[in-house]
Amino acid sequence: MLCSMTELPPIYQDGISAGRLDEETLSDNFCDVHPPLDLHEAQVAADRCYFCYDAPCIQACPTSIDIPLFIRQIATGTPEAAAMTIFDSNILGGMCARVCPTETLCEEACVRELAEQKPVEIGALQRFATDKLMERPEHPYRRAASTGKSVAVVGAGPAGLAAAHRLAKHGHAVTLYESRPKSGGLNEYGIAAYKTVDGFAQEEFDWLLGIGGITVENGKALGSNVSLDGLQSEFDAVFLSIGLGGVNALGFEGESVLPAVDFIEDLRQADDLGKIAVGRRVVVIGGGMTAVDAAVQSKLLGAEDVTIVYRREQGKMAASEHEQNHAAASGVRIITNAAPLGIKGGGVEFAYTVSGDDGLHVSSETFVLPADQVLTAIGQTLTEDQVTALKLVRGKIAIDDLGRTSMAGVWAGGDCATGGDDLTVTAVAQGRDAAEDIHTSLMEGA
């Protein structure tokens, strides 16, 4: 049995330790992976845009930002106006500029990408504009007159924050419930530290609250000290953005390996990266963004040998090709077509897999990867006992195109709901659109 970092038997204790690297090296390793553009760089990048009238980049953006317009505004020296164009569609445009997989969305659709294999740097330009406006002390939006209506938003992740801001902007009183000590959800707890440096998630959250009309209550969890029935009786509408609180397990007998999401959360909340324990030989099981983030950060913390193992072929990994290349460039090895069988002799035993017309098959050919730390990143699940009264589809809250659930007066969005891609930007779109429908519904009877 391989145990977690707090329960390691002697055979593994020598392999996992904190402080593998000195403070200066850690600081360099976890600096901004994509430094912001300066004014000259932004102008040069903006000048490459064709300003297409039918803009395929807009169609590829889940929040439908008018990308040619905001780039033209940067090109003409008005980055604050560009930021407003972005925020009107995506109030978390600053975070999305940092973490959105633009290489598979807007930039992949860019005409420059087709012609020159180098798209306009849309993400970097978006960050340039939003950072400029967020530097101003005053919030750029003002609330409408009070409607006298109140809305509960449960979960302060991307979907919940987008919904709360849009509802407050329309003049509704919003109470935002968050189970954790800090708000931000995935942006605060689940994204690689080198993507959101200098506490940006909390900076963006504080900036968003500048609109007013949003009351935040931390330490309040649905199904624990908050009930859906209670919210319905107290508020005119409810929006659920509770994320995915459960973690899929490998099913090993006596399994006690560490979920990658916990490893990332501990790292993100650490005041001193030198106190984060990491193995010399780390194996990460999974093929999505969480697996890549955990693997790369293990390497940055000083792990000597880091391997991602995925059960299918590399082309089916949920992590984008860009992120896979980043992992490889960071010294992470990727092994595909291998399924974990169990812990064996100080390592993890895998069997090679074969994909066929009738699904994935595990072969009889096996191998063992030495490991003193194993991180699992094989997906998260909805904590269903929180939402027993709602219809679920494939383990998520069923919603329609407007975000409405099976229960009148209750909307949902983000990772906990159907229809998303488990991305910050799609969660923002769902939260924004649900807020607009909530507003319309509340005002119909006003």
Protein backbone atom coordinates (compact mmCIF):
# COMPACT_ATOMS: atom_id res chain seq x y z
CA MET A 1 0.00 0.00 0.00
CA LEU A 2 1.29 3.46 -0.89
CA CYS A 3 0.19 6.06 1.63
CA SER A 4 -0.34 9.80 1.45
CA MET A 5 2.32 12.27 2.50
CA THR A 6 1.08 12.37 6.10
CA GLU A 7 0.99 8.57 6.53
CA LEU A 8 4.11 7.36 4.75
CA PRO A 9 5.68 4.10 5.96
CA PRO A 10 9.50 4.17 6.32
CA ILE A 11 10.10 2.71 2.83
CA TYR A 12 8.68 5.88 1.28
CA GLN A 13 9.66 8.58 3.75
CA ASP A 14 13.13 9.10 2.29
CA GLY A 15 11.60 9.74 -1.13
CA ILE A 16 9.23 12.56 -0.19
CA SER A 17 10.46 15.72 1.44
CA ALA A 18 10.06 19.48 1.45
CA GLY A 19 12.71 22.04 0.62
CA ARG A 20 14.37 20.21 -2.27
CA LEU A 21 15.22 23.55 -3.87
CA ASP A 22 16.44 26.82 -2.40
CA GLU A 23 14.15 29.84 -2.11
CA GLU A 24 15.63 31.71 -5.07
CA THR A 25 15.27 28.72 -7.41
CA LEU A 26 11.67 28.15 -6.32
CA SER A 27 10.89 31.81 -6.92
CA ASP A 28 12.34 31.60 -10.43
CA ASN A 29 10.52 28.34 -11.15
CA PHE A 30 7.14 29.72 -10.14
CA CYS A 31 7.36 33.10 -11.83
CA ASP A 32 4.79 34.15 -14.43
CA VAL A 33 4.90 31.49 -17.16
CA HIS A 34 3.72 34.04 -19.76
CA PRO A 35 4.93 37.52 -18.73
CA PRO A 36 2.60 40.40 -19.67
CA LEU A 37 3.14 42.44 -22.81
CA ASP A 38 4.48 45.96 -22.50
CA LEU A 39 2.93 48.83 -24.47
CA HIS A 40 5.16 48.42 -27.51
CA GLU A 41 4.70 44.65 -27.62
CA ALA A 42 0.94 45.05 -27.34
CA GLN A 43 0.81 47.54 -30.20
CA VAL A 44 2.92 45.28 -32.43
CA ALA A 45 0.72 42.29 -31.58
CA ALA A 46 -2.47 44.28 -32.19
CA ASP A 47 -1.24 45.44 -35.60
CA ARG A 48 -1.20 41.81 -36.78
CA CYS A 49 -4.99 41.53 -36.51
CA TYR A 50 -6.95 41.57 -39.79
CA PHE A 51 -10.10 42.78 -37.93
CA CYS A 52 -12.16 40.22 -39.83
CA TYR A 53 -15.79 41.28 -40.27
CA ASP A 54 -16.97 37.68 -39.81
CA ALA A 55 -14.33 37.05 -37.09
CA PRO A 56 -14.05 33.28 -36.57
CA CYS A 57 -12.29 34.03 -33.28
CA ILE A 58 -15.55 35.40 -31.84
CA GLN A 59 -17.36 32.22 -32.79
CA ALA A 60 -14.68 30.18 -31.06
CA CYS A 61 -14.91 32.16 -27.80
CA PRO A 62 -17.43 30.62 -25.36
CA THR A 63 -18.20 34.11 -24.02
CA SER A 64 -18.39 35.67 -27.53
CA ILE A 65 -16.05 38.57 -26.80
CA ASP A 66 -15.83 40.98 -29.73
CA ILE A 67 -12.15 40.23 -30.24
CA PRO A 68 -11.48 42.36 -33.36
CA LEU A 69 -13.06 45.36 -31.64
CA PHE A 70 -11.00 45.14 -28.47
CA ILE A 71 -7.80 44.58 -30.45
CA ARG A 72 -8.57 47.64 -32.61
CA GLN A 73 -9.11 49.63 -29.41
CA ILE A 74 -5.67 48.57 -28.20
CA ALA A 75 -4.18 49.47 -31.58
CA THR A 76 -5.72 52.95 -31.36
CA GLY A 77 -4.35 53.58 -27.87
CA THR A 78 -7.47 52.99 -25.77
CA PRO A 79 -6.77 49.80 -23.77
CA GLU A 80 -9.32 50.74 -21.09
CA ALA A 81 -12.05 50.79 -23.72
CA ALA A 82 -10.76 47.43 -24.93
CA ALA A 83 -11.08 46.09 -21.40
CA MET A 84 -14.71 47.21 -21.22
CA THR A 85 -15.42 45.40 -24.48
CA ILE A 86 -13.98 42.27 -22.85
CA PHE A 87 -15.67 42.68 -19.47
CA ASP A 88 -19.08 43.31 -21.04
CA SER A 89 -18.95 39.70 -22.24
CA ASN A 90 -16.65 38.12 -19.67
CA ILE A 91 -16.27 39.78 -16.29
CA LEU A 92 -13.45 37.34 -15.46
CA GLY A 93 -11.58 38.32 -18.62
CA GLY A 94 -8.41 38.89 -16.62
CA MET A 95 -8.26 35.34 -15.32
CA CYS A 96 -9.37 33.85 -18.64
CA ALA A 97 -6.55 35.74 -20.36
CA ARG A 98 -4.16 33.80 -18.14
CA VAL A 99 -5.68 30.32 -18.06
CA CYS A 100 -7.98 29.96 -21.07
CA PRO A 101 -6.74 27.43 -23.66
CA THR A 102 -6.69 30.08 -26.37
CA GLU A 103 -4.56 27.80 -28.53
CA THR A 104 -7.60 25.53 -29.03
CA LEU A 105 -10.26 28.27 -29.06
CA CYS A 106 -9.93 31.82 -30.42
CA GLU A 107 -6.29 31.60 -31.51
CA GLU A 108 -6.79 28.29 -33.29
CA ALA A 109 -9.60 29.95 -35.27
CA CYS A 110 -7.48 33.00 -36.11
CA VAL A 111 -6.99 33.60 -39.84
CA ARG A 112 -3.33 34.34 -39.15
CA GLU A 113 -2.99 30.83 -37.73
CA LEU A 114 -4.24 29.39 -41.01
CA ALA A 115 -2.01 31.60 -43.13
CA GLU A 116 1.19 31.76 -41.10
CA GLN A 117 0.93 29.11 -38.37
CA LYS A 118 1.18 31.96 -35.86
CA PRO A 119 -2.09 33.46 -34.63
CA VAL A 120 -2.63 36.91 -33.20
CA GLU A 121 -1.73 36.78 -29.49
CA ILE A 122 -5.34 37.21 -28.39
CA GLY A 123 -4.86 35.95 -24.84
CA ALA A 124 -1.85 38.16 -24.19
CA LEU A 125 -3.65 41.19 -25.63
CA GLN A 126 -6.68 40.46 -23.48
CA ARG A 127 -4.47 40.38 -20.40
CA PHE A 128 -2.80 43.65 -21.41
CA ALA A 129 -6.16 45.42 -21.68
CA THR A 130 -7.83 43.99 -18.58
CA ASP A 131 -4.77 44.59 -16.40
CA LYS A 132 -4.75 48.25 -17.45
CA LEU A 133 -8.35 48.81 -16.38
CA MET A 134 -8.08 46.79 -13.18
CA GLU A 135 -5.20 49.00 -12.08
CA ARG A 136 -7.70 51.84 -11.66
CA PRO A 137 -9.05 52.21 -8.11
CA GLU A 138 -12.71 52.52 -9.06
CA HIS A 139 -14.85 49.69 -10.38
CA PRO A 140 -15.93 50.39 -13.99
CA TYR A 141 -19.56 49.25 -13.54
CA ARG A 142 -22.39 50.82 -11.58
CA ARG A 143 -25.45 49.05 -10.24
CA ALA A 144 -28.89 49.73 -11.59
CA ALA A 145 -31.55 50.93 -9.16
CA SER A 146 -32.53 48.30 -6.64
CA THR A 147 -35.16 45.88 -7.90
CA GLY A 148 -36.11 44.72 -4.42
CA LYS A 149 -35.34 41.15 -5.47
CA SER A 150 -32.75 38.90 -3.86
CA VAL A 151 -30.78 35.99 -5.30
CA ALA A 152 -28.66 33.34 -3.59
CA VAL A 153 -25.57 32.23 -5.45
CA VAL A 154 -24.05 29.06 -4.01
CA GLY A 155 -20.40 28.62 -4.91
CA ALA A 156 -17.93 31.44 -5.54
CA GLY A 157 -16.14 29.87 -8.49
CA PRO A 158 -16.10 31.30 -12.03
CA ALA A 159 -19.77 30.58 -12.79
CA GLY A 160 -20.95 31.91 -9.44
CA LEU A 161 -18.85 35.07 -9.65
CA ALA A 162 -20.01 35.81 -13.18
CA ALA A 163 -23.63 35.32 -12.16
CA ALA A 164 -23.28 37.38 -8.98
CA HIS A 165 -21.71 40.34 -10.77
CA ARG A 166 -24.29 40.36 -13.57
CA LEU A 167 -27.19 40.08 -11.09
CA ALA A 168 -25.78 42.88 -8.93
CA LYS A 169 -25.33 45.02 -12.03
CA HIS A 170 -29.06 44.61 -12.75
CA GLY A 171 -29.89 45.87 -9.25
CA HIS A 172 -30.62 42.62 -7.44
CA ALA A 173 -29.30 41.94 -3.94
CA VAL A 174 -26.95 38.95 -4.11
CA THR A 175 -25.76 36.72 -1.30
CA LEU A 176 -22.79 34.61 -2.32
CA TYR A 177 -22.26 31.43 -0.29
CA GLU A 178 -18.85 29.75 -0.40
CA SER A 179 -17.83 26.64 1.52
CA ARG A 180 -14.12 27.46 1.64
CA PRO A 181 -12.27 30.20 3.53
CA LYS A 182 -11.46 32.02 0.29
CA SER A 183 -13.66 32.72 -2.70
CA GLY A 184 -12.64 32.03 -6.28
CA GLY A 185 -13.22 28.29 -6.61
CA LEU A 186 -11.02 26.69 -9.24
CA ASN A 187 -9.30 30.01 -9.92
CA GLU A 188 -8.08 30.19 -6.32
CA TYR A 189 -7.54 26.53 -5.47
CA GLY A 190 -7.16 24.48 -8.63
CA ILE A 191 -4.96 26.19 -11.23
CA ALA A 192 -1.18 25.94 -11.46
CA ALA A 193 0.53 28.61 -9.39
CA TYR A 194 2.76 29.74 -12.27
CA LYS A 195 -0.32 30.71 -14.30
CA THR A 196 -1.82 33.07 -11.71
CA VAL A 197 1.03 34.66 -9.80
CA ASP A 198 0.94 37.39 -7.15
CA GLY A 199 -2.44 36.38 -5.72
CA PHE A 200 -4.31 37.42 -8.85
CA ALA A 201 -7.37 35.25 -8.12
CA GLN A 202 -8.11 37.14 -4.90
CA GLU A 203 -7.21 40.46 -6.50
CA GLU A 204 -9.76 39.79 -9.23
CA PHE A 205 -12.37 38.68 -6.70
CA ASP A 206 -11.93 41.85 -4.63
CA TRP A 207 -12.12 43.94 -7.79
CA LEU A 208 -15.33 42.21 -8.88
CA LEU A 209 -17.00 43.01 -5.53
CA GLY A 210 -16.42 46.68 -6.26
CA ILE A 211 -19.77 46.83 -8.03
CA GLY A 212 -21.51 46.56 -4.65
CA GLY A 213 -24.68 44.70 -3.78
CA ILE A 214 -22.91 41.36 -3.17
CA THR A 215 -22.74 39.93 0.34
CA VAL A 216 -20.22 37.10 0.79
CA GLU A 217 -20.62 34.36 3.38
CA ASN A 218 -17.69 31.95 3.55
CA GLY A 219 -17.82 28.63 5.36
CA LYS A 220 -21.34 27.95 4.09
CA ALA A 221 -21.81 24.68 2.20
CA LEU A 222 -24.91 23.33 0.50
CA GLY A 223 -26.07 20.18 2.28
CA SER A 224 -24.17 21.10 5.43
CA ASN A 225 -25.16 24.44 6.92
CA VAL A 226 -27.14 25.65 3.91
CA SER A 227 -30.17 23.86 2.45
CA LEU A 228 -31.81 24.26 -0.93
CA ASP A 229 -35.26 24.43 0.68
CA GLY A 230 -34.08 27.16 3.02
CA LEU A 231 -32.60 29.20 0.18
CA GLN A 232 -35.78 28.91 -1.86
CA SER A 233 -37.85 30.19 1.02
CA GLU A 234 -35.51 33.11 1.71
CA PHE A 235 -34.61 34.26 -1.80
CA ASP A 236 -36.46 35.01 -5.01
CA ALA A 237 -34.08 32.83 -7.04
CA VAL A 238 -31.15 30.45 -6.50
CA PHE A 239 -28.12 29.84 -8.69
CA LEU A 240 -25.99 26.77 -7.97
CA SER A 241 -22.33 26.72 -8.94
CA ILE A 242 -21.04 24.21 -6.41
CA GLY A 243 -18.38 22.62 -8.60
CA LEU A 244 -17.36 18.99 -8.29
CA GLY A 245 -16.49 18.19 -4.70
CA GLY A 246 -15.83 14.47 -5.06
CA VAL A 247 -12.69 12.85 -6.47
CA ASN A 248 -12.69 9.64 -8.52
CA ALA A 249 -10.63 6.89 -6.92
CA LEU A 250 -8.51 4.29 -8.67
CA GLY A 251 -9.98 1.47 -6.62
CA PHE A 252 -6.67 0.00 -5.45
CA GLU A 253 -7.07 -2.12 -2.35
CA GLY A 254 -5.97 -0.04 0.60
CA GLU A 255 -5.47 2.95 -1.69
CA SER A 256 -4.16 6.06 -0.03
CA VAL A 257 -2.48 7.94 -2.84
CA LEU A 258 -2.88 11.69 -3.01
CA PRO A 259 -5.46 13.30 -5.33
CA ALA A 260 -3.71 15.79 -7.60
CA VAL A 261 -6.34 18.43 -6.79
CA ASP A 262 -5.30 18.27 -3.12
CA PHE A 263 -1.64 18.56 -4.05
CA ILE A 264 -2.36 21.63 -6.21
CA GLU A 265 -4.56 23.19 -3.54
CA ASP A 266 -1.88 22.76 -0.86
CA LEU A 267 0.66 24.35 -3.18
CA ARG A 268 -1.61 27.26 -4.11
CA GLN A 269 -2.35 28.06 -0.47
CA ALA A 270 1.21 27.67 0.81
CA ASP A 271 2.95 30.75 2.16
CA ASP A 272 6.29 29.02 1.65
CA LEU A 273 6.76 26.71 -1.34
CA GLY A 274 9.79 25.27 0.41
CA LYS A 275 7.40 23.55 2.83
CA ILE A 276 5.56 21.58 0.12
CA ALA A 277 6.70 17.96 0.19
CA VAL A 278 7.36 16.31 -3.16
CA GLY A 279 8.80 12.96 -4.17
CA ARG A 280 12.00 12.30 -6.03
CA ARG A 281 10.08 10.02 -8.38
CA VAL A 282 6.53 11.18 -9.00
CA VAL A 283 3.91 9.38 -11.07
CA VAL A 284 0.77 11.27 -12.08
CA ILE A 285 -2.13 9.16 -13.34
CA GLY A 286 -4.50 10.97 -15.71
CA GLY A 287 -4.54 12.93 -18.95
CA GLY A 288 -6.22 16.26 -18.28
CA MET A 289 -5.16 19.73 -17.22
CA THR A 290 -5.03 18.74 -13.56
CA ALA A 291 -2.56 15.98 -14.38
CA VAL A 292 -0.34 18.39 -16.33
CA ASP A 293 -0.51 21.08 -13.65
CA ALA A 294 0.38 18.60 -10.91
CA ALA A 295 3.20 17.04 -12.91
CA VAL A 296 4.82 20.31 -13.98
CA GLN A 297 4.61 21.76 -10.49
CA SER A 298 6.15 18.59 -9.03
CA LYS A 299 9.09 19.15 -11.35
CA LEU A 300 9.30 22.82 -10.40
CA LEU A 301 9.38 21.84 -6.72
CA GLY A 302 12.43 19.69 -7.34
CA ALA A 303 11.20 16.21 -8.25
CA GLU A 304 13.88 14.44 -10.25
CA ASP A 305 11.70 12.10 -12.29
CA VAL A 306 8.06 12.95 -13.12
CA THR A 307 5.87 10.82 -15.36
CA ILE A 308 2.29 11.28 -16.53
CA VAL A 309 0.59 8.00 -17.41
CA TYR A 310 -2.62 8.00 -19.45
CA ARG A 311 -4.69 4.96 -20.38
CA ARG A 312 -5.53 5.96 -23.96
CA GLU A 313 -3.54 7.34 -26.89
CA GLN A 314 -2.02 10.80 -26.56
CA GLY A 315 -4.42 12.42 -29.01
CA LYS A 316 -7.30 11.70 -26.63
CA MET A 317 -5.75 13.42 -23.65
CA ALA A 318 -8.01 16.18 -22.32
CA ALA A 319 -4.98 18.43 -21.84
CA SER A 320 -4.33 20.50 -24.95
CA GLU A 321 -1.34 19.84 -27.18
CA HIS A 322 0.09 23.15 -25.99
CA GLU A 323 -0.09 22.02 -22.36
CA GLN A 324 1.35 18.61 -23.22
CA ASN A 325 4.28 20.32 -24.93
CA HIS A 326 4.73 22.57 -21.91
CA ALA A 327 4.91 19.51 -19.69
CA ALA A 328 7.47 17.88 -21.96
CA ALA A 329 9.53 21.07 -22.07
CA SER A 330 9.47 21.10 -18.27
CA GLY A 331 11.03 17.65 -18.17
CA VAL A 332 7.88 15.60 -17.64
CA ARG A 333 7.66 12.26 -19.44
CA ILE A 334 4.28 11.21 -20.87
CA ILE A 335 3.44 7.53 -21.23
CA THR A 336 0.21 6.64 -23.00
CA ASN A 337 -1.84 3.48 -23.52
CA ALA A 338 -1.18 2.23 -20.01
CA ALA A 339 -3.68 1.51 -17.23
CA PRO A 340 -2.77 1.31 -13.52
CA LEU A 341 -3.13 -2.06 -11.83
CA GLY A 342 -1.88 -1.38 -8.33
CA ILE A 343 1.04 -0.59 -6.07
CA LYS A 344 3.91 -3.05 -6.38
CA GLY A 345 7.42 -3.09 -4.95
CA GLY A 346 7.89 0.60 -4.33
CA GLY A 347 6.22 1.64 -7.55
CA VAL A 348 3.05 1.49 -9.63
CA GLU A 349 2.28 -1.46 -11.87
CA PHE A 350 0.70 -0.70 -15.22
CA ALA A 351 -0.62 -2.79 -18.08
CA TYR A 352 -0.41 -1.65 -21.68
CA THR A 353 -3.80 -1.01 -23.26
CA VAL A 354 -5.15 -1.45 -26.77
CA SER A 355 -8.02 0.55 -28.25
CA GLY A 356 -10.44 -1.34 -30.45
CA ASP A 357 -13.85 -0.94 -32.02
CA ASP A 358 -15.41 -2.40 -28.90
CA GLY A 359 -13.54 -0.15 -26.47
CA LEU A 360 -10.33 -0.18 -24.45
CA HIS A 361 -8.67 -3.47 -23.56
CA VAL A 362 -5.97 -4.16 -20.98
CA SER A 363 -3.23 -6.41 -22.32
CA SER A 364 -1.20 -8.97 -20.39
CA GLU A 365 2.00 -6.99 -20.88
CA THR A 366 2.87 -5.06 -17.72
CA PHE A 367 5.60 -2.82 -16.34
CA VAL A 368 6.37 -1.10 -13.05
CA LEU A 369 7.27 2.57 -12.67
CA PRO A 370 9.31 3.29 -9.53
CA ALA A 371 7.53 5.93 -7.46
CA ASP A 372 7.68 7.38 -4.01
CA GLN A 373 4.72 9.70 -4.68
CA VAL A 374 1.63 9.00 -6.76
CA LEU A 375 -0.86 11.70 -7.70
CA THR A 376 -4.23 10.76 -9.19
CA ALA A 377 -6.00 13.03 -11.65
CA ILE A 378 -8.75 10.84 -13.09
CA GLY A 379 -11.67 13.21 -12.73
CA GLN A 380 -13.97 14.71 -10.14
CA THR A 381 -17.60 14.06 -9.33
CA LEU A 382 -20.62 15.93 -8.04
CA THR A 383 -21.42 15.36 -4.39
CA GLU A 384 -24.92 14.15 -5.20
CA ASP A 385 -26.32 14.25 -1.67
CA GLN A 386 -26.25 18.05 -1.95
CA VAL A 387 -28.75 18.07 -4.81
CA THR A 388 -31.01 15.05 -4.31
CA ALA A 389 -34.09 17.03 -5.35
CA LEU A 390 -32.68 17.93 -8.78
CA LYS A 391 -32.56 15.89 -11.96
CA LEU A 392 -29.07 14.68 -12.81
CA VAL A 393 -27.63 13.59 -16.15
CA ARG A 394 -24.39 11.60 -16.16
CA GLY A 395 -23.63 12.73 -12.65
CA LYS A 396 -24.22 16.44 -13.22
CA ILE A 397 -27.15 18.79 -12.62
CA ALA A 398 -29.33 18.80 -15.73
CA ILE A 399 -29.87 22.31 -17.11
CA ASP A 400 -31.36 23.73 -20.29
CA ASP A 401 -29.78 26.37 -22.52
CA LEU A 402 -30.82 29.09 -20.08
CA GLY A 403 -29.34 27.36 -17.06
CA ARG A 404 -32.69 26.31 -15.60
CA THR A 405 -32.75 23.11 -13.55
CA SER A 406 -35.65 20.69 -13.06
CA MET A 407 -36.77 22.74 -10.05
CA ALA A 408 -38.62 26.04 -10.53
CA GLY A 409 -36.64 29.03 -9.30
CA VAL A 410 -33.32 27.19 -9.32
CA TRP A 411 -30.61 27.67 -11.95
CA ALA A 412 -27.15 26.09 -12.17
CA GLY A 413 -23.90 26.42 -14.09
CA GLY A 414 -20.21 25.62 -14.11
CA ASP A 415 -18.59 22.24 -13.56
CA CYS A 416 -21.53 20.93 -11.52
CA ALA A 417 -23.93 21.29 -14.46
CA THR A 418 -24.33 19.75 -17.88
CA GLY A 419 -23.31 21.52 -21.06
CA GLY A 420 -19.90 22.86 -20.07
CA ASP A 421 -16.35 21.90 -20.99
CA ASP A 422 -14.90 22.11 -17.47
CA LEU A 423 -13.18 25.37 -18.42
CA THR A 424 -13.18 28.70 -16.60
CA VAL A 425 -14.43 30.48 -19.71
CA THR A 426 -17.41 28.15 -20.27
CA ALA A 427 -18.31 28.42 -16.58
CA VAL A 428 -18.30 32.22 -16.91
CA ALA A 429 -20.58 32.00 -19.95
CA GLN A 430 -23.04 29.74 -18.11
CA GLY A 431 -23.09 32.00 -15.05
CA ARG A 432 -23.58 35.13 -17.14
CA ASP A 433 -26.37 33.64 -19.26
CA ALA A 434 -28.19 32.16 -16.28
CA ALA A 435 -28.03 35.55 -14.55
CA GLU A 436 -29.68 37.19 -17.55
CA ASP A 437 -32.47 34.61 -17.50
CA ILE A 438 -32.90 35.00 -13.74
CA HIS A 439 -33.18 38.77 -14.21
CA THR A 440 -35.77 38.37 -16.97
CA SER A 441 -37.78 35.92 -14.87
CA LEU A 442 -37.74 38.11 -11.77
CA MET A 443 -38.74 41.23 -13.66
CA GLU A 444 -41.62 39.63 -15.54
CA GLY A 445 -43.76 39.87 -12.46
CA ALA A 446 -42.39 43.22 -11.27
